Every structure is written in C-alpha cells, then in structure tokens.
Amino acid sequence: MSVVIDLSEKRQALIVKRAYRNWGARFGEDFGVATCLSGLSLQTLTFLAQGKEKGTFYIYELIMTLQGMGSGFEFADLSPKNKMDVIDQYLFILDRIRFECMKRLGWIEAYPGEDYPLVEMVLQFDRVAPGLQAEIPRLSAGHPGYDEYRRLSTFDREAFVRKLIPKALKAIQSL
C-alpha cells in the first residue's frame, strides 16, 4: 500500500524548524508550529519583551524566515517595503509578548490573539492582525487601576493599558 505524503505540510515543518533554529539555540526550548506565547518560558518571554536589539533579532528572524525573506541577519538588506512589513509584524508580535507578560503578572485577564500560535500570527498576519489590533486587553479587576480603567472610554482604555508596559517590563524581570 502506498503512503500519501503532504509535501506542503512537510515543507512548512522544515521552514518552521529553520525559523526557530536560533531560538532553540538561544533559549534552550522546543519551538514549533503550535508554539503560543503562553508556552514560552518566563525567561524567554522576558528577554523578547524588552524590545532590545538582540530580542528584536529573534523576532525578525522568525518573521523573515517564515515569510521567505531570508534570515534576520539580512534585515538591513531588505527593500523599504519589506522592511516596513517586517517592522509592522514585529510590533504586532511585540505587543502580544508584552500582553502575555502582563497576563502572567495578573494585571490583565486576557488579550487579543493569546490563542494564536506565533507561526500563524506571522503567516496569517494580514488576516488576523487588523481584528486583533482593534481589540483591547481586559484589565484584571484585581489591578489597582481597575476602577479608573473601567470609567474610561474604549480609546482611553488602550492608552491606559499601554502606559502599564514599562512597569510590567520591570515587574516581570523581578520574577
């Protein structure tokens, strides 16, 4: 009996493995097509959430490899349009990473996109990002600023949550 092999699935598995190659070496964890932010260790999440040069490289590497744009090392060589595409995706993923930090701190209950694997966020960016970016993370009722947050307009709630990011980055490093 012959076995049917789905080449597109195998090809995607190889691309995902290549996209996470440096992640595995740096963070010592297993990453794959189903990896969600909730599955990252606190150390990995904290490193990526800082948004500094080395953390940026790993996210660029993931995006560029999955999108067939080369390695993260080649970011400077991209066309201006491709650079902007990578930066848009990077900022979107960085937001989700920071929201995951806030969730682990107990500051927010949930955030838009928390159930999406990283690979899907990149490969389906044009489809999923607009809807997720329009949603606001839900601040936890136990957060000291909850009463103020609850009284704010939708627009102001987003700004309120974003203003918490620097404090969340400091707090997550101390865990």
N, C-alpha and C. Protein backbone atom coordinates (compact mmCIF):
# COMPACT_ATOMS: atom_id res chain seq x y z
N MET A 1 0.85 -1.17 0.00
CA MET A 1 0.00 0.00 0.00
C MET A 1 0.90 1.23 0.00
N SER A 2 0.55 2.21 -0.81
CA SER A 2 1.34 3.43 -0.88
C SER A 2 0.87 4.43 0.17
N VAL A 3 1.79 5.27 0.62
CA VAL A 3 1.51 6.28 1.61
C VAL A 3 1.56 7.64 0.93
N VAL A 4 0.55 8.45 1.18
CA VAL A 4 0.49 9.79 0.62
C VAL A 4 1.15 10.76 1.59
N ILE A 5 2.11 11.51 1.09
CA ILE A 5 2.82 12.47 1.92
C ILE A 5 2.42 13.87 1.49
N ASP A 6 1.96 14.64 2.43
CA ASP A 6 1.59 16.02 2.14
C ASP A 6 2.86 16.86 2.12
N LEU A 7 3.33 17.16 0.91
CA LEU A 7 4.58 17.90 0.77
C LEU A 7 4.50 19.32 1.31
N SER A 8 3.35 19.95 1.18
CA SER A 8 3.24 21.32 1.68
C SER A 8 3.36 21.33 3.21
N GLU A 9 2.80 20.33 3.85
CA GLU A 9 2.91 20.23 5.31
C GLU A 9 4.36 19.97 5.73
N LYS A 10 5.04 19.10 5.01
CA LYS A 10 6.46 18.81 5.30
C LYS A 10 7.32 20.03 5.03
N ARG A 11 7.03 20.74 3.97
CA ARG A 11 7.78 21.95 3.62
C ARG A 11 7.59 23.00 4.72
N GLN A 12 6.35 23.16 5.18
CA GLN A 12 6.10 24.14 6.23
C GLN A 12 6.82 23.74 7.52
N ALA A 13 6.83 22.46 7.84
CA ALA A 13 7.53 21.99 9.05
C ALA A 13 9.02 22.32 8.97
N LEU A 14 9.61 22.17 7.79
CA LEU A 14 11.03 22.49 7.62
C LEU A 14 11.28 23.99 7.76
N ILE A 15 10.39 24.79 7.20
CA ILE A 15 10.53 26.25 7.29
C ILE A 15 10.39 26.69 8.75
N VAL A 16 9.43 26.13 9.45
CA VAL A 16 9.22 26.48 10.86
C VAL A 16 10.44 26.07 11.68
N LYS A 17 10.98 24.89 11.40
CA LYS A 17 12.18 24.44 12.12
C LYS A 17 13.33 25.41 11.87
N ARG A 18 13.49 25.86 10.64
CA ARG A 18 14.55 26.81 10.31
C ARG A 18 14.29 28.16 10.98
N ALA A 19 13.03 28.59 11.02
CA ALA A 19 12.69 29.88 11.61
C ALA A 19 13.00 29.91 13.11
N TYR A 20 12.85 28.79 13.76
CA TYR A 20 13.09 28.70 15.21
C TYR A 20 14.50 28.20 15.55
N ARG A 21 15.32 27.96 14.55
CA ARG A 21 16.67 27.41 14.76
C ARG A 21 17.44 28.21 15.81
N ASN A 22 17.53 29.50 15.65
CA ASN A 22 18.28 30.34 16.59
C ASN A 22 17.57 30.46 17.93
N TRP A 23 16.26 30.37 17.92
CA TRP A 23 15.51 30.40 19.18
C TRP A 23 15.89 29.20 20.05
N GLY A 24 15.91 28.03 19.44
CA GLY A 24 16.25 26.82 20.19
C GLY A 24 17.65 26.90 20.77
N ALA A 25 18.59 27.40 19.97
CA ALA A 25 19.97 27.52 20.44
C ALA A 25 20.08 28.55 21.56
N ARG A 26 19.39 29.65 21.46
CA ARG A 26 19.49 30.73 22.45
C ARG A 26 18.73 30.44 23.73
N PHE A 27 17.51 29.90 23.58
CA PHE A 27 16.63 29.77 24.74
C PHE A 27 16.58 28.35 25.32
N GLY A 28 17.09 27.38 24.58
CA GLY A 28 17.11 26.01 25.08
C GLY A 28 15.74 25.40 25.27
N GLU A 29 14.81 25.80 24.44
CA GLU A 29 13.44 25.28 24.50
C GLU A 29 13.08 24.70 23.14
N ASP A 30 12.00 23.95 23.13
CA ASP A 30 11.48 23.42 21.87
C ASP A 30 10.38 24.35 21.36
N PHE A 31 10.49 24.71 20.11
CA PHE A 31 9.51 25.58 19.47
C PHE A 31 9.02 24.88 18.21
N GLY A 32 7.78 25.12 17.86
CA GLY A 32 7.23 24.50 16.67
C GLY A 32 6.03 25.26 16.14
N VAL A 33 5.37 24.64 15.20
CA VAL A 33 4.25 25.28 14.52
C VAL A 33 3.13 25.67 15.49
N ALA A 34 2.98 24.95 16.59
CA ALA A 34 1.89 25.21 17.53
C ALA A 34 2.31 26.06 18.72
N THR A 35 3.54 26.58 18.73
CA THR A 35 4.02 27.36 19.87
C THR A 35 3.24 28.66 20.01
N CYS A 36 2.62 28.81 21.18
CA CYS A 36 1.91 30.04 21.53
C CYS A 36 2.73 30.78 22.58
N LEU A 37 2.45 32.03 22.76
CA LEU A 37 3.18 32.81 23.75
C LEU A 37 3.02 32.24 25.15
N SER A 38 1.87 31.68 25.43
CA SER A 38 1.64 31.09 26.75
C SER A 38 2.54 29.90 27.01
N GLY A 39 3.11 29.32 25.96
CA GLY A 39 4.01 28.17 26.10
C GLY A 39 5.47 28.55 26.25
N LEU A 40 5.80 29.84 26.16
CA LEU A 40 7.18 30.27 26.32
C LEU A 40 7.54 30.34 27.80
N SER A 41 8.78 30.04 28.10
CA SER A 41 9.23 30.17 29.48
C SER A 41 9.23 31.65 29.86
N LEU A 42 9.22 31.91 31.14
CA LEU A 42 9.27 33.28 31.63
C LEU A 42 10.56 33.97 31.18
N GLN A 43 11.66 33.22 31.17
CA GLN A 43 12.95 33.79 30.77
C GLN A 43 12.93 34.23 29.30
N THR A 44 12.39 33.38 28.44
CA THR A 44 12.30 33.70 27.02
C THR A 44 11.39 34.90 26.80
N LEU A 45 10.24 34.86 27.44
CA LEU A 45 9.27 35.95 27.31
C LEU A 45 9.86 37.27 27.77
N THR A 46 10.55 37.26 28.91
CA THR A 46 11.15 38.48 29.45
C THR A 46 12.21 39.03 28.51
N PHE A 47 13.03 38.14 27.96
CA PHE A 47 14.08 38.57 27.02
C PHE A 47 13.46 39.24 25.79
N LEU A 48 12.45 38.61 25.20
CA LEU A 48 11.83 39.14 23.98
C LEU A 48 11.03 40.42 24.26
N ALA A 49 10.43 40.51 25.43
CA ALA A 49 9.56 41.65 25.77
C ALA A 49 10.33 42.96 25.87
N GLN A 50 11.62 42.89 26.14
CA GLN A 50 12.41 44.11 26.32
C GLN A 50 12.47 44.94 25.03
N GLY A 51 12.32 44.29 23.88
CA GLY A 51 12.33 45.01 22.62
C GLY A 51 13.68 45.61 22.29
N LYS A 52 14.71 45.00 22.82
CA LYS A 52 16.07 45.48 22.56
C LYS A 52 16.66 44.74 21.39
N GLU A 53 17.81 45.18 20.94
CA GLU A 53 18.43 44.70 19.71
C GLU A 53 18.46 43.18 19.58
N LYS A 54 18.96 42.49 20.58
CA LYS A 54 19.08 41.04 20.46
C LYS A 54 17.72 40.36 20.43
N GLY A 55 16.80 40.82 21.24
CA GLY A 55 15.45 40.26 21.22
C GLY A 55 14.75 40.54 19.90
N THR A 56 14.99 41.73 19.38
CA THR A 56 14.41 42.12 18.09
C THR A 56 14.88 41.17 17.00
N PHE A 57 16.17 40.82 17.04
CA PHE A 57 16.72 39.91 16.03
C PHE A 57 15.93 38.60 15.99
N TYR A 58 15.63 38.01 17.13
CA TYR A 58 14.95 36.72 17.15
C TYR A 58 13.54 36.81 16.56
N ILE A 59 12.88 37.91 16.82
CA ILE A 59 11.54 38.08 16.24
C ILE A 59 11.65 38.36 14.73
N TYR A 60 12.60 39.19 14.34
CA TYR A 60 12.83 39.42 12.90
C TYR A 60 13.16 38.10 12.20
N GLU A 61 14.01 37.31 12.84
CA GLU A 61 14.41 36.01 12.26
C GLU A 61 13.19 35.13 12.01
N LEU A 62 12.31 35.07 12.99
CA LEU A 62 11.09 34.27 12.86
C LEU A 62 10.25 34.79 11.70
N ILE A 63 10.00 36.08 11.68
CA ILE A 63 9.16 36.68 10.64
C ILE A 63 9.77 36.50 9.25
N MET A 64 11.02 36.87 9.12
CA MET A 64 11.66 36.85 7.80
C MET A 64 11.80 35.44 7.25
N THR A 65 12.14 34.49 8.09
CA THR A 65 12.27 33.11 7.61
C THR A 65 10.91 32.56 7.20
N LEU A 66 9.90 32.77 8.01
CA LEU A 66 8.57 32.28 7.67
C LEU A 66 8.02 32.94 6.41
N GLN A 67 8.35 34.20 6.20
CA GLN A 67 7.85 34.94 5.04
C GLN A 67 8.74 34.77 3.80
N GLY A 68 9.80 33.97 3.92
CA GLY A 68 10.68 33.73 2.77
C GLY A 68 11.53 34.93 2.41
N MET A 69 11.88 35.75 3.40
CA MET A 69 12.67 36.96 3.15
C MET A 69 14.13 36.79 3.56
N GLY A 70 14.51 35.60 3.94
CA GLY A 70 15.88 35.37 4.38
C GLY A 70 15.98 35.32 5.89
N SER A 71 17.17 35.52 6.38
CA SER A 71 17.47 35.46 7.80
C SER A 71 17.32 36.84 8.44
N GLY A 72 17.16 36.86 9.75
CA GLY A 72 17.10 38.12 10.48
C GLY A 72 18.37 38.93 10.32
N PHE A 73 19.48 38.25 10.03
CA PHE A 73 20.75 38.94 9.79
C PHE A 73 20.68 39.82 8.54
N GLU A 74 19.75 39.53 7.65
CA GLU A 74 19.64 40.22 6.37
C GLU A 74 18.62 41.36 6.39
N PHE A 75 18.13 41.73 7.57
CA PHE A 75 17.11 42.77 7.65
C PHE A 75 17.54 44.04 6.95
N ALA A 76 18.77 44.48 7.16
CA ALA A 76 19.26 45.73 6.57
C ALA A 76 19.25 45.70 5.04
N ASP A 77 19.29 44.50 4.47
CA ASP A 77 19.33 44.36 3.01
C ASP A 77 17.94 44.32 2.36
N LEU A 78 16.89 44.32 3.16
CA LEU A 78 15.54 44.25 2.61
C LEU A 78 15.16 45.54 1.90
N SER A 79 14.24 45.42 0.96
CA SER A 79 13.69 46.62 0.32
C SER A 79 12.91 47.41 1.38
N PRO A 80 12.73 48.71 1.16
CA PRO A 80 11.98 49.51 2.14
C PRO A 80 10.59 48.95 2.44
N LYS A 81 9.90 48.46 1.42
CA LYS A 81 8.57 47.89 1.65
C LYS A 81 8.64 46.65 2.53
N ASN A 82 9.58 45.76 2.25
CA ASN A 82 9.72 44.55 3.05
C ASN A 82 10.15 44.88 4.48
N LYS A 83 11.00 45.89 4.63
CA LYS A 83 11.39 46.32 5.99
C LYS A 83 10.16 46.77 6.77
N MET A 84 9.32 47.56 6.13
CA MET A 84 8.10 48.04 6.81
C MET A 84 7.17 46.88 7.15
N ASP A 85 7.06 45.91 6.25
CA ASP A 85 6.22 44.74 6.53
C ASP A 85 6.75 43.98 7.75
N VAL A 86 8.05 43.79 7.81
CA VAL A 86 8.66 43.08 8.94
C VAL A 86 8.47 43.89 10.22
N ILE A 87 8.67 45.19 10.16
CA ILE A 87 8.51 46.04 11.35
C ILE A 87 7.06 46.02 11.83
N ASP A 88 6.09 46.08 10.92
CA ASP A 88 4.67 46.01 11.31
C ASP A 88 4.38 44.71 12.04
N GLN A 89 4.87 43.60 11.50
CA GLN A 89 4.64 42.31 12.13
C GLN A 89 5.37 42.21 13.47
N TYR A 90 6.58 42.76 13.50
CA TYR A 90 7.37 42.76 14.74
C TYR A 90 6.62 43.51 15.85
N LEU A 91 6.12 44.70 15.55
CA LEU A 91 5.42 45.48 16.56
C LEU A 91 4.15 44.78 17.03
N PHE A 92 3.47 44.14 16.11
CA PHE A 92 2.27 43.38 16.46
C PHE A 92 2.62 42.24 17.42
N ILE A 93 3.66 41.49 17.10
CA ILE A 93 4.06 40.36 17.95
C ILE A 93 4.62 40.88 19.28
N LEU A 94 5.38 41.95 19.25
CA LEU A 94 5.92 42.52 20.49
C LEU A 94 4.79 42.93 21.43
N ASP A 95 3.73 43.51 20.89
CA ASP A 95 2.56 43.84 21.72
C ASP A 95 2.02 42.58 22.40
N ARG A 96 1.84 41.51 21.62
CA ARG A 96 1.29 40.26 22.20
C ARG A 96 2.23 39.72 23.28
N ILE A 97 3.54 39.80 23.05
CA ILE A 97 4.51 39.33 24.04
C ILE A 97 4.37 40.12 25.33
N ARG A 98 4.26 41.42 25.20
CA ARG A 98 4.12 42.26 26.39
C ARG A 98 2.79 42.05 27.08
N PHE A 99 1.74 41.81 26.32
CA PHE A 99 0.45 41.50 26.93
C PHE A 99 0.53 40.17 27.69
N GLU A 100 1.27 39.20 27.13
CA GLU A 100 1.44 37.92 27.83
C GLU A 100 2.18 38.14 29.16
N CYS A 101 3.15 39.02 29.16
CA CYS A 101 3.84 39.37 30.42
C CYS A 101 2.84 39.93 31.43
N MET A 102 1.99 40.83 30.97
CA MET A 102 1.01 41.45 31.86
C MET A 102 0.01 40.42 32.37
N LYS A 103 -0.32 39.47 31.53
CA LYS A 103 -1.23 38.41 31.96
C LYS A 103 -0.58 37.55 33.03
N ARG A 104 0.69 37.21 32.85
CA ARG A 104 1.39 36.41 33.86
C ARG A 104 1.55 37.15 35.18
N LEU A 105 1.61 38.46 35.11
CA LEU A 105 1.67 39.26 36.33
C LEU A 105 0.30 39.37 37.00
N GLY A 106 -0.75 38.96 36.29
CA GLY A 106 -2.11 39.06 36.81
C GLY A 106 -2.73 40.43 36.59
N TRP A 107 -2.10 41.24 35.75
CA TRP A 107 -2.59 42.59 35.50
C TRP A 107 -3.72 42.62 34.49
N ILE A 108 -3.71 41.70 33.54
CA ILE A 108 -4.81 41.61 32.58
C ILE A 108 -5.37 40.20 32.62
N GLU A 109 -6.66 40.09 32.30
CA GLU A 109 -7.32 38.79 32.29
C GLU A 109 -7.04 38.04 31.00
N ALA A 110 -7.08 38.78 29.91
CA ALA A 110 -6.92 38.17 28.58
C ALA A 110 -6.46 39.26 27.62
N TYR A 111 -5.93 38.82 26.50
CA TYR A 111 -5.53 39.77 25.48
C TYR A 111 -5.85 39.19 24.11
N PRO A 112 -6.10 40.05 23.14
CA PRO A 112 -6.45 39.58 21.80
C PRO A 112 -5.29 38.84 21.14
N GLY A 113 -5.57 37.63 20.71
CA GLY A 113 -4.57 36.83 20.00
C GLY A 113 -3.83 35.84 20.86
N GLU A 114 -4.18 35.73 22.12
CA GLU A 114 -3.42 34.86 23.01
C GLU A 114 -3.51 33.38 22.63
N ASP A 115 -4.49 33.01 21.88
CA ASP A 115 -4.64 31.60 21.49
C ASP A 115 -4.00 31.28 20.14
N TYR A 116 -3.45 32.28 19.48
CA TYR A 116 -2.83 32.07 18.17
C TYR A 116 -1.37 31.63 18.33
N PRO A 117 -0.97 30.59 17.61
CA PRO A 117 0.46 30.26 17.58
C PRO A 117 1.24 31.38 16.88
N LEU A 118 2.48 31.57 17.27
CA LEU A 118 3.32 32.60 16.66
C LEU A 118 3.41 32.43 15.14
N VAL A 119 3.55 31.20 14.70
CA VAL A 119 3.66 30.94 13.25
C VAL A 119 2.41 31.44 12.53
N GLU A 120 1.26 31.19 13.10
CA GLU A 120 0.02 31.64 12.47
C GLU A 120 -0.08 33.17 12.47
N MET A 121 0.37 33.80 13.58
CA MET A 121 0.35 35.27 13.63
C MET A 121 1.18 35.87 12.50
N VAL A 122 2.28 35.21 12.17
CA VAL A 122 3.15 35.72 11.09
C VAL A 122 2.55 35.38 9.73
N LEU A 123 2.24 34.11 9.51
CA LEU A 123 1.79 33.68 8.18
C LEU A 123 0.41 34.21 7.82
N GLN A 124 -0.41 34.48 8.81
CA GLN A 124 -1.77 34.98 8.58
C GLN A 124 -1.91 36.43 9.04
N PHE A 125 -0.80 37.13 9.11
CA PHE A 125 -0.79 38.49 9.66
C PHE A 125 -1.84 39.39 9.02
N ASP A 126 -1.91 39.43 7.70
CA ASP A 126 -2.85 40.32 7.02
C ASP A 126 -4.30 40.01 7.35
N ARG A 127 -4.57 38.78 7.68
CA ARG A 127 -5.93 38.36 8.00
C ARG A 127 -6.26 38.58 9.48
N VAL A 128 -5.35 38.21 10.38
CA VAL A 128 -5.67 38.24 11.81
C VAL A 128 -5.32 39.55 12.51
N ALA A 129 -4.28 40.23 12.09
CA ALA A 129 -3.80 41.41 12.81
C ALA A 129 -4.84 42.54 12.90
N PRO A 130 -5.51 42.91 11.82
CA PRO A 130 -6.43 44.05 11.93
C PRO A 130 -7.51 43.85 13.01
N GLY A 131 -8.08 42.67 13.07
CA GLY A 131 -9.11 42.42 14.09
C GLY A 131 -8.55 42.40 15.50
N LEU A 132 -7.37 41.79 15.65
CA LEU A 132 -6.77 41.70 16.97
C LEU A 132 -6.28 43.07 17.46
N GLN A 133 -5.77 43.88 16.55
CA GLN A 133 -5.29 45.21 16.93
C GLN A 133 -6.45 46.12 17.34
N ALA A 134 -7.65 45.83 16.87
CA ALA A 134 -8.81 46.64 17.21
C ALA A 134 -9.35 46.31 18.60
N GLU A 135 -8.92 45.18 19.16
CA GLU A 135 -9.38 44.77 20.49
C GLU A 135 -8.40 45.24 21.56
N ILE A 136 -8.91 45.41 22.76
CA ILE A 136 -8.10 45.89 23.88
C ILE A 136 -8.00 44.79 24.92
N PRO A 137 -6.81 44.61 25.50
CA PRO A 137 -6.70 43.63 26.59
C PRO A 137 -7.63 44.03 27.74
N ARG A 138 -8.17 43.04 28.43
CA ARG A 138 -9.06 43.29 29.56
C ARG A 138 -8.24 43.36 30.85
N LEU A 139 -8.24 44.53 31.47
CA LEU A 139 -7.52 44.70 32.72
C LEU A 139 -8.19 43.86 33.80
N SER A 140 -7.39 43.26 34.64
CA SER A 140 -7.89 42.42 35.72
C SER A 140 -8.58 43.28 36.78
N ALA A 141 -9.67 42.78 37.31
CA ALA A 141 -10.40 43.50 38.36
C ALA A 141 -9.53 43.68 39.60
N GLY A 142 -8.52 42.85 39.76
CA GLY A 142 -7.63 42.97 40.91
C GLY A 142 -6.52 43.99 40.74
N HIS A 143 -6.38 44.56 39.56
CA HIS A 143 -5.33 45.56 39.33
C HIS A 143 -5.73 46.85 40.06
N PRO A 144 -4.76 47.52 40.71
CA PRO A 144 -5.06 48.75 41.45
C PRO A 144 -5.70 49.85 40.60
N GLY A 145 -5.48 49.86 39.32
CA GLY A 145 -6.05 50.89 38.46
C GLY A 145 -7.35 50.49 37.81
N TYR A 146 -7.94 49.38 38.24
CA TYR A 146 -9.14 48.85 37.57
C TYR A 146 -10.31 49.83 37.58
N ASP A 147 -10.58 50.48 38.71
CA ASP A 147 -11.73 51.39 38.77
C ASP A 147 -11.57 52.55 37.79
N GLU A 148 -10.35 53.08 37.70
CA GLU A 148 -10.08 54.15 36.74
C GLU A 148 -10.26 53.62 35.32
N TYR A 149 -9.71 52.46 35.02
CA TYR A 149 -9.80 51.83 33.70
C TYR A 149 -11.26 51.64 33.30
N ARG A 150 -12.06 51.17 34.22
CA ARG A 150 -13.47 50.88 33.94
C ARG A 150 -14.24 52.13 33.53
N ARG A 151 -13.85 53.28 34.06
CA ARG A 151 -14.55 54.54 33.75
C ARG A 151 -14.12 55.16 32.43
N LEU A 152 -13.06 54.67 31.82
CA LEU A 152 -12.50 55.25 30.61
C LEU A 152 -13.25 54.83 29.34
N SER A 153 -13.11 55.64 28.32
CA SER A 153 -13.65 55.27 27.01
C SER A 153 -12.78 54.16 26.42
N THR A 154 -13.25 53.53 25.39
CA THR A 154 -12.50 52.45 24.74
C THR A 154 -11.13 52.94 24.29
N PHE A 155 -11.08 54.10 23.68
CA PHE A 155 -9.82 54.66 23.19
C PHE A 155 -8.86 54.88 24.36
N ASP A 156 -9.36 55.43 25.44
CA ASP A 156 -8.52 55.73 26.60
C ASP A 156 -8.10 54.46 27.34
N ARG A 157 -8.90 53.41 27.26
CA ARG A 157 -8.51 52.15 27.89
C ARG A 157 -7.26 51.57 27.25
N GLU A 158 -7.18 51.68 25.94
CA GLU A 158 -5.99 51.19 25.26
C GLU A 158 -4.76 51.95 25.72
N ALA A 159 -4.87 53.27 25.79
CA ALA A 159 -3.75 54.09 26.25
C ALA A 159 -3.39 53.74 27.70
N PHE A 160 -4.38 53.50 28.52
CA PHE A 160 -4.14 53.13 29.92
C PHE A 160 -3.31 51.85 30.01
N VAL A 161 -3.72 50.84 29.24
CA VAL A 161 -3.00 49.56 29.25
C VAL A 161 -1.58 49.74 28.72
N ARG A 162 -1.41 50.49 27.67
CA ARG A 162 -0.08 50.71 27.08
C ARG A 162 0.85 51.45 28.04
N LYS A 163 0.29 52.34 28.84
CA LYS A 163 1.11 53.06 29.82
C LYS A 163 1.63 52.12 30.92
N LEU A 164 1.01 50.97 31.06
CA LEU A 164 1.45 50.00 32.06
C LEU A 164 2.67 49.18 31.59
N ILE A 165 2.97 49.22 30.30
CA ILE A 165 4.03 48.37 29.75
C ILE A 165 5.38 48.57 30.42
N PRO A 166 5.87 49.80 30.59
CA PRO A 166 7.18 49.95 31.24
C PRO A 166 7.22 49.35 32.65
N LYS A 167 6.14 49.55 33.41
CA LYS A 167 6.07 48.97 34.76
C LYS A 167 6.02 47.45 34.69
N ALA A 168 5.30 46.93 33.71
CA ALA A 168 5.21 45.47 33.55
C ALA A 168 6.57 44.88 33.19
N LEU A 169 7.34 45.55 32.34
CA LEU A 169 8.66 45.06 31.97
C LEU A 169 9.59 45.00 33.18
N LYS A 170 9.51 46.00 34.05
CA LYS A 170 10.32 45.99 35.27
C LYS A 170 9.85 44.89 36.21
N ALA A 171 8.54 44.75 36.36
CA ALA A 171 7.98 43.76 37.28
C ALA A 171 8.28 42.34 36.82
N ILE A 172 8.21 42.07 35.53
CA ILE A 172 8.42 40.71 35.02
C ILE A 172 9.87 40.30 35.18
N GLN A 173 10.79 41.25 35.14
CA GLN A 173 12.22 40.93 35.32
C GLN A 173 12.52 40.51 36.75
N SER A 174 11.72 40.95 37.70
CA SER A 174 11.98 40.61 39.08
C SER A 174 11.36 39.27 39.51
N LEU A 175 10.63 38.63 38.61
CA LEU A 175 10.02 37.33 38.96
C LEU A 175 11.05 36.21 38.89
